[in-house]
PDB file of N, CA and C in Angstrom:
ATOM      1  N   MET A   1      23.080  88.937 -20.786  1.00  0.00           N
ATOM      2  CA  MET A   1      24.188  89.738 -20.310  1.00  0.00           C
ATOM      3  C   MET A   1      25.467  89.244 -20.993  1.00  0.00           C
ATOM      4  N   THR A   2      26.294  90.175 -21.391  1.00  0.00           N
ATOM      5  CA  THR A   2      27.529  89.827 -22.093  1.00  0.00           C
ATOM      6  C   THR A   2      28.720  89.858 -21.133  1.00  0.00           C
ATOM      7  N   ILE A   3      29.827  89.320 -21.591  1.00  0.00           N
ATOM      8  CA  ILE A   3      31.063  89.342 -20.806  1.00  0.00           C
ATOM      9  C   ILE A   3      31.482  90.774 -20.515  1.00  0.00           C
ATOM     10  N   ASP A   4      31.371  91.634 -21.517  1.00  0.00           N
ATOM     11  CA  ASP A   4      31.763  93.039 -21.326  1.00  0.00           C
ATOM     12  C   ASP A   4      30.936  93.715 -20.238  1.00  0.00           C
ATOM     13  N   GLU A   5      29.697  93.314 -20.090  1.00  0.00           N
ATOM     14  CA  GLU A   5      28.855  93.868 -19.030  1.00  0.00           C
ATOM     15  C   GLU A   5      29.213  93.285 -17.665  1.00  0.00           C
ATOM     16  N   LEU A   6      29.704  92.054 -17.644  1.00  0.00           N
ATOM     17  CA  LEU A   6      30.041  91.384 -16.387  1.00  0.00           C
ATOM     18  C   LEU A   6      31.393  91.801 -15.820  1.00  0.00           C
ATOM     19  N   ILE A   7      32.348  92.095 -16.661  1.00  0.00           N
ATOM     20  CA  ILE A   7      33.724  92.354 -16.220  1.00  0.00           C
ATOM     21  C   ILE A   7      33.818  93.447 -15.158  1.00  0.00           C
ATOM     22  N   PRO A   8      33.143  94.581 -15.281  1.00  0.00           N
ATOM     23  CA  PRO A   8      33.246  95.584 -14.215  1.00  0.00           C
ATOM     24  C   PRO A   8      32.788  95.053 -12.849  1.00  0.00           C
ATOM     25  N   SER A   9      31.749  94.241 -12.844  1.00  0.00           N
ATOM     26  CA  SER A   9      31.278  93.664 -11.584  1.00  0.00           C
ATOM     27  C   SER A   9      32.281  92.654 -11.035  1.00  0.00           C
ATOM     28  N   ILE A  10      32.885  91.886 -11.926  1.00  0.00           N
ATOM     29  CA  ILE A  10      33.844  90.867 -11.499  1.00  0.00           C
ATOM     30  C   ILE A  10      35.100  91.510 -10.920  1.00  0.00           C
ATOM     31  N   THR A  11      35.558  92.594 -11.512  1.00  0.00           N
ATOM     32  CA  THR A  11      36.783  93.234 -11.020  1.00  0.00           C
ATOM     33  C   THR A  11      36.607  93.774  -9.611  1.00  0.00           C
ATOM     34  N   ARG A  12      35.382  94.074  -9.213  1.00  0.00           N
ATOM     35  CA  ARG A  12      35.135  94.577  -7.858  1.00  0.00           C
ATOM     36  C   ARG A  12      35.068  93.470  -6.814  1.00  0.00           C
ATOM     37  N   LEU A  13      35.007  92.220  -7.239  1.00  0.00           N
ATOM     38  CA  LEU A  13      34.923  91.110  -6.290  1.00  0.00           C
ATOM     39  C   LEU A  13      36.245  90.921  -5.558  1.00  0.00           C
ATOM     40  N   SER A  14      36.148  90.379  -4.340  1.00  0.00           N
ATOM     41  CA  SER A  14      37.365  90.040  -3.595  1.00  0.00           C
ATOM     42  C   SER A  14      38.008  88.812  -4.243  1.00  0.00           C
ATOM     43  N   HIS A  15      39.226  88.534  -3.834  1.00  0.00           N
ATOM     44  CA  HIS A  15      39.957  87.374  -4.365  1.00  0.00           C
ATOM     45  C   HIS A  15      39.164  86.092  -4.104  1.00  0.00           C
ATOM     46  N   ALA A  16      38.671  85.934  -2.887  1.00  0.00           N
ATOM     47  CA  ALA A  16      37.910  84.729  -2.531  1.00  0.00           C
ATOM     48  C   ALA A  16      36.621  84.623  -3.349  1.00  0.00           C
ATOM     49  N   GLU A  17      35.953  85.752  -3.573  1.00  0.00           N
ATOM     50  CA  GLU A  17      34.723  85.736  -4.364  1.00  0.00           C
ATOM     51  C   GLU A  17      35.006  85.376  -5.820  1.00  0.00           C
ATOM     52  N   LYS A  18      36.141  85.822  -6.341  1.00  0.00           N
ATOM     53  CA  LYS A  18      36.510  85.468  -7.715  1.00  0.00           C
ATOM     54  C   LYS A  18      36.771  83.971  -7.833  1.00  0.00           C
ATOM     55  N   ILE A  19      37.437  83.407  -6.837  1.00  0.00           N
ATOM     56  CA  ILE A  19      37.692  81.961  -6.851  1.00  0.00           C
ATOM     57  C   ILE A  19      36.372  81.206  -6.787  1.00  0.00           C
ATOM     58  N   ARG A  20      35.468  81.667  -5.932  1.00  0.00           N
ATOM     59  CA  ARG A  20      34.150  81.024  -5.831  1.00  0.00           C
ATOM     60  C   ARG A  20      33.399  81.136  -7.160  1.00  0.00           C
ATOM     61  N   LEU A  21      33.498  82.269  -7.822  1.00  0.00           N
ATOM     62  CA  LEU A  21      32.859  82.455  -9.126  1.00  0.00           C
ATOM     63  C   LEU A  21      33.394  81.442 -10.137  1.00  0.00           C
ATOM     64  N   VAL A  22      34.705  81.261 -10.145  1.00  0.00           N
ATOM     65  CA  VAL A  22      35.315  80.288 -11.057  1.00  0.00           C
ATOM     66  C   VAL A  22      34.806  78.887 -10.737  1.00  0.00           C
ATOM     67  N   GLN A  23      34.702  78.550  -9.451  1.00  0.00           N
ATOM     68  CA  GLN A  23      34.194  77.236  -9.058  1.00  0.00           C
ATOM     69  C   GLN A  23      32.771  77.023  -9.564  1.00  0.00           C
ATOM     70  N   VAL A  24      31.930  78.028  -9.398  1.00  0.00           N
ATOM     71  CA  VAL A  24      30.537  77.915  -9.837  1.00  0.00           C
ATOM     72  C   VAL A  24      30.465  77.726 -11.348  1.00  0.00           C
ATOM     73  N   VAL A  25      31.239  78.505 -12.079  1.00  0.00           N
ATOM     74  CA  VAL A  25      31.232  78.397 -13.545  1.00  0.00           C
ATOM     75  C   VAL A  25      31.732  77.019 -13.980  1.00  0.00           C
ATOM     76  N   LEU A  26      32.795  76.526 -13.353  1.00  0.00           N
ATOM     77  CA  LEU A  26      33.315  75.203 -13.713  1.00  0.00           C
ATOM     78  C   LEU A  26      32.307  74.106 -13.398  1.00  0.00           C
ATOM     79  N   GLU A  27      31.601  74.222 -12.275  1.00  0.00           N
ATOM     80  CA  GLU A  27      30.573  73.239 -11.933  1.00  0.00           C
ATOM     81  C   GLU A  27      29.464  73.235 -12.981  1.00  0.00           C
ATOM     82  N   GLN A  28      29.046  74.419 -13.404  1.00  0.00           N
ATOM     83  CA  GLN A  28      28.000  74.503 -14.421  1.00  0.00           C
ATOM     84  C   GLN A  28      28.470  73.906 -15.743  1.00  0.00           C
ATOM     85  N   LEU A  29      29.706  74.172 -16.112  1.00  0.00           N
ATOM     86  CA  LEU A  29      30.246  73.599 -17.348  1.00  0.00           C
ATOM     87  C   LEU A  29      30.299  72.077 -17.266  1.00  0.00           C
ATOM     88  N   ALA A  30      30.707  71.557 -16.111  1.00  0.00           N
ATOM     89  CA  ALA A  30      30.774  70.104 -15.931  1.00  0.00           C
ATOM     90  C   ALA A  30      29.379  69.490 -16.027  1.00  0.00           C
ATOM     91  N   GLU A  31      28.385  70.150 -15.429  1.00  0.00           N
ATOM     92  CA  GLU A  31      27.013  69.646 -15.505  1.00  0.00           C
ATOM     93  C   GLU A  31      26.502  69.667 -16.943  1.00  0.00           C
ATOM     94  N   GLU A  32      26.774  70.747 -17.658  1.00  0.00           N
ATOM     95  CA  GLU A  32      26.346  70.838 -19.054  1.00  0.00           C
ATOM     96  C   GLU A  32      27.038  69.776 -19.901  1.00  0.00           C
ATOM     97  N   ASP A  33      28.328  69.546 -19.633  1.00  0.00           N
ATOM     98  CA  ASP A  33      29.080  68.545 -20.376  1.00  0.00           C
ATOM     99  C   ASP A  33      28.517  67.156 -20.101  1.00  0.00           C
ATOM    100  N   ALA A  34      28.221  66.877 -18.838  1.00  0.00           N
ATOM    101  CA  ALA A  34      27.660  65.577 -18.478  1.00  0.00           C
ATOM    102  C   ALA A  34      26.293  65.385 -19.119  1.00  0.00           C
ATOM    103  N   ALA A  35      25.491  66.436 -19.151  1.00  0.00           N
ATOM    104  CA  ALA A  35      24.165  66.343 -19.763  1.00  0.00           C
ATOM    105  C   ALA A  35      24.277  66.106 -21.262  1.00  0.00           C
ATOM    106  N   SER A  36      25.220  66.775 -21.915  1.00  0.00           N
ATOM    107  CA  SER A  36      25.368  66.587 -23.358  1.00  0.00           C
ATOM    108  C   SER A  36      25.910  65.200 -23.676  1.00  0.00           C
ATOM    109  N   GLU A  37      26.765  64.666 -22.818  1.00  0.00           N
ATOM    110  CA  GLU A  37      27.277  63.308 -23.035  1.00  0.00           C
ATOM    111  C   GLU A  37      26.177  62.281 -22.854  1.00  0.00           C
ATOM    112  N   ALA A  38      25.269  62.529 -21.901  1.00  0.00           N
ATOM    113  CA  ALA A  38      24.170  61.599 -21.669  1.00  0.00           C
ATOM    114  C   ALA A  38      23.225  61.571 -22.863  1.00  0.00           C
ATOM    115  N   LEU A  39      23.101  62.685 -23.554  1.00  0.00           N
ATOM    116  CA  LEU A  39      22.209  62.765 -24.704  1.00  0.00           C
ATOM    117  C   LEU A  39      22.870  62.316 -25.995  1.00  0.00           C
ATOM    118  N   ALA A  40      24.194  62.251 -26.008  1.00  0.00           N
ATOM    119  CA  ALA A  40      24.916  61.905 -27.231  1.00  0.00           C
ATOM    120  C   ALA A  40      24.696  60.436 -27.580  1.00  0.00           C
ATOM    121  N   PRO A  41      24.252  60.167 -28.802  1.00  0.00           N
ATOM    122  CA  PRO A  41      24.068  58.770 -29.200  1.00  0.00           C
ATOM    123  C   PRO A  41      25.414  58.071 -29.340  1.00  0.00           C
ATOM    124  N   GLY A  42      25.456  56.831 -28.913  1.00  0.00           N
ATOM    125  CA  GLY A  42      26.673  56.047 -29.048  1.00  0.00           C
ATOM    126  C   GLY A  42      27.803  56.517 -28.167  1.00  0.00           C
ATOM    127  N   SER A  43      27.471  57.179 -27.063  1.00  0.00           N
ATOM    128  CA  SER A  43      28.534  57.656 -26.184  1.00  0.00           C
ATOM    129  C   SER A  43      29.241  56.470 -25.543  1.00  0.00           C
ATOM    130  N   LYS A  44      30.471  56.672 -25.225  1.00  0.00           N
ATOM    131  CA  LYS A  44      31.280  55.608 -24.645  1.00  0.00           C
ATOM    132  C   LYS A  44      30.809  55.293 -23.230  1.00  0.00           C
ATOM    133  N   GLU A  45      31.060  54.073 -22.802  1.00  0.00           N
ATOM    134  CA  GLU A  45      30.681  53.698 -21.445  1.00  0.00           C
ATOM    135  C   GLU A  45      31.540  54.465 -20.447  1.00  0.00           C
ATOM    136  N   PRO A  46      30.991  54.768 -19.273  1.00  0.00           N
ATOM    137  CA  PRO A  46      31.764  55.517 -18.284  1.00  0.00           C
ATOM    138  C   PRO A  46      32.944  54.696 -17.767  1.00  0.00           C
ATOM    139  N   PHE A  47      33.954  55.405 -17.304  1.00  0.00           N
ATOM    140  CA  PHE A  47      35.140  54.741 -16.775  1.00  0.00           C
ATOM    141  C   PHE A  47      34.787  54.000 -15.492  1.00  0.00           C
ATOM    142  N   ASP A  48      35.189  52.757 -15.403  1.00  0.00           N
ATOM    143  CA  ASP A  48      34.968  51.943 -14.214  1.00  0.00           C
ATOM    144  C   ASP A  48      36.331  51.520 -13.687  1.00  0.00           C
ATOM    145  N   PRO A  49      36.792  52.133 -12.575  1.00  0.00           N
ATOM    146  CA  PRO A  49      38.130  51.802 -12.077  1.00  0.00           C
ATOM    147  C   PRO A  49      38.278  50.337 -11.695  1.00  0.00           C
ATOM    148  N   LYS A  50      37.187  49.680 -11.314  1.00  0.00           N
ATOM    149  CA  LYS A  50      37.271  48.265 -10.948  1.00  0.00           C
ATOM    150  C   LYS A  50      37.680  47.420 -12.146  1.00  0.00           C
ATOM    151  N   ARG A  51      37.395  47.940 -13.322  1.00  0.00           N
ATOM    152  CA  ARG A  51      37.747  47.216 -14.534  1.00  0.00           C
ATOM    153  C   ARG A  51      39.259  47.138 -14.721  1.00  0.00           C
ATOM    154  N   PHE A  52      39.983  48.135 -14.208  1.00  0.00           N
ATOM    155  CA  PHE A  52      41.428  48.187 -14.412  1.00  0.00           C
ATOM    156  C   PHE A  52      42.235  47.927 -13.148  1.00  0.00           C
ATOM    157  N   PHE A  53      41.626  48.129 -12.003  1.00  0.00           N
ATOM    158  CA  PHE A  53      42.353  47.959 -10.752  1.00  0.00           C
ATOM    159  C   PHE A  53      41.589  46.978  -9.880  1.00  0.00           C
ATOM    160  N   GLY A  54      42.290  46.087  -9.249  1.00  0.00           N
ATOM    161  CA  GLY A  54      41.629  45.130  -8.381  1.00  0.00           C
ATOM    162  C   GLY A  54      41.969  43.715  -8.797  1.00  0.00           C
ATOM    163  N   ALA A  55      41.019  42.809  -8.592  1.00  0.00           N
ATOM    164  CA  ALA A  55      41.263  41.387  -8.824  1.00  0.00           C
ATOM    165  C   ALA A  55      41.576  41.089 -10.287  1.00  0.00           C
ATOM    166  N   ALA A  56      40.857  41.705 -11.181  1.00  0.00           N
ATOM    167  CA  ALA A  56      41.049  41.428 -12.612  1.00  0.00           C
ATOM    168  C   ALA A  56      41.949  42.488 -13.228  1.00  0.00           C
ATOM    169  N   ARG A  57      43.232  42.362 -13.027  1.00  0.00           N
ATOM    170  CA  ARG A  57      44.176  43.343 -13.576  1.00  0.00           C
ATOM    171  C   ARG A  57      44.313  43.147 -15.077  1.00  0.00           C
ATOM    172  N   HIS A  58      44.405  44.257 -15.759  1.00  0.00           N
ATOM    173  CA  HIS A  58      44.573  44.229 -17.209  1.00  0.00           C
ATOM    174  C   HIS A  58      45.999  44.642 -17.554  1.00  0.00           C
ATOM    175  N   SER A  59      46.382  44.293 -18.749  1.00  0.00           N
ATOM    176  CA  SER A  59      47.728  44.647 -19.179  1.00  0.00           C
ATOM    177  C   SER A  59      47.826  46.149 -19.421  1.00  0.00           C
ATOM    178  N   ARG A  60      49.020  46.633 -19.396  1.00  0.00           N
ATOM    179  CA  ARG A  60      49.273  48.056 -19.641  1.00  0.00           C
ATOM    180  C   ARG A  60      48.745  48.462 -21.017  1.00  0.00           C
ATOM    181  N   GLN A  61      48.879  47.564 -21.992  1.00  0.00           N
ATOM    182  CA  GLN A  61      48.412  47.860 -23.341  1.00  0.00           C
ATOM    183  C   GLN A  61      46.895  48.054 -23.372  1.00  0.00           C
ATOM    184  N   GLU A  62      46.158  47.253 -22.606  1.00  0.00           N
ATOM    185  CA  GLU A  62      44.701  47.393 -22.568  1.00  0.00           C
ATOM    186  C   GLU A  62      44.301  48.721 -21.930  1.00  0.00           C
ATOM    187  N   VAL A  63      44.991  49.089 -20.856  1.00  0.00           N
ATOM    188  CA  VAL A  63      44.706  50.365 -20.197  1.00  0.00           C
ATOM    189  C   VAL A  63      45.021  51.515 -21.146  1.00  0.00           C
ATOM    190  N   ASP A  64      46.180  51.461 -21.807  1.00  0.00           N
ATOM    191  CA  ASP A  64      46.552  52.511 -22.755  1.00  0.00           C
ATOM    192  C   ASP A  64      45.548  52.600 -23.903  1.00  0.00           C
ATOM    193  N   ALA A  65      45.092  51.460 -24.397  1.00  0.00           N
ATOM    194  CA  ALA A  65      44.111  51.460 -25.484  1.00  0.00           C
ATOM    195  C   ALA A  65      42.805  52.101 -25.027  1.00  0.00           C
ATOM    196  N   TYR A  66      42.384  51.794 -23.798  1.00  0.00           N
ATOM    197  CA  TYR A  66      41.158  52.409 -23.277  1.00  0.00           C
ATOM    198  C   TYR A  66      41.323  53.919 -23.154  1.00  0.00           C
ATOM    199  N   LEU A  67      42.444  54.355 -22.600  1.00  0.00           N
ATOM    200  CA  LEU A  67      42.670  55.791 -22.433  1.00  0.00           C
ATOM    201  C   LEU A  67      42.730  56.499 -23.781  1.00  0.00           C
ATOM    202  N   ASP A  68      43.370  55.880 -24.768  1.00  0.00           N
ATOM    203  CA  ASP A  68      43.425  56.469 -26.108  1.00  0.00           C
ATOM    204  C   ASP A  68      42.028  56.614 -26.698  1.00  0.00           C
ATOM    205  N   SER A  69      41.195  55.594 -26.527  1.00  0.00           N
ATOM    206  CA  SER A  69      39.838  55.677 -27.081  1.00  0.00           C
ATOM    207  C   SER A  69      39.008  56.708 -26.328  1.00  0.00           C
ATOM    208  N   ALA A  70      39.265  56.877 -25.033  1.00  0.00           N
ATOM    209  CA  ALA A  70      38.518  57.865 -24.248  1.00  0.00           C
ATOM    210  C   ALA A  70      38.922  59.283 -24.623  1.00  0.00           C
ATOM    211  N   ARG A  71      40.142  59.460 -25.115  1.00  0.00           N
ATOM    212  CA  ARG A  71      40.638  60.793 -25.471  1.00  0.00           C
ATOM    213  C   ARG A  71      40.197  61.244 -26.855  1.00  0.00           C
ATOM    214  N   GLU A  72      39.672  60.340 -27.659  1.00  0.00           N
ATOM    215  CA  GLU A  72      39.265  60.695 -29.019  1.00  0.00           C
ATOM    216  C   GLU A  72      38.249  61.825 -28.959  1.00  0.00           C
ATOM    217  N   GLY A  73      38.481  62.855 -29.745  1.00  0.00           N
ATOM    218  CA  GLY A  73      37.558  63.974 -29.812  1.00  0.00           C
ATOM    219  C   GLY A  73      37.846  65.093 -28.841  1.00  0.00           C
ATOM    220  N   TRP A  74      38.874  64.956 -28.002  1.00  0.00           N
ATOM    221  CA  TRP A  74      39.191  66.015 -27.033  1.00  0.00           C
ATOM    222  C   TRP A  74      39.633  67.287 -27.722  1.00  0.00           C
ATOM    223  N   ASN A  75      40.315  67.159 -28.839  1.00  0.00           N
ATOM    224  CA  ASN A  75      40.894  68.332 -29.502  1.00  0.00           C
ATOM    225  C   ASN A  75      40.020  68.860 -30.629  1.00  0.00           C
ATOM    226  N   GLU A  76      38.768  68.484 -30.636  1.00  0.00           N
ATOM    227  CA  GLU A  76      37.893  68.945 -31.720  1.00  0.00           C
ATOM    228  C   GLU A  76      37.354  70.313 -31.428  1.00  0.00           C
TER     229      GLU A  76
END
């Protein structure tokens, strides 16, 4: 089914149903993204908040460096 075939059905949905549709689509995209990251060789380690917050505090530069490395490839 194509987008052009779906649009007439979507326009008939109520506001709440459209929001629910967006939620479902976003959940599916997140699941697909997570699955592709799990299969990607050499993927980065997942973010661990305990690593940056808590007893072992890191410098701002270390946090910024981690965030910069995590953002690599976002705009590809």
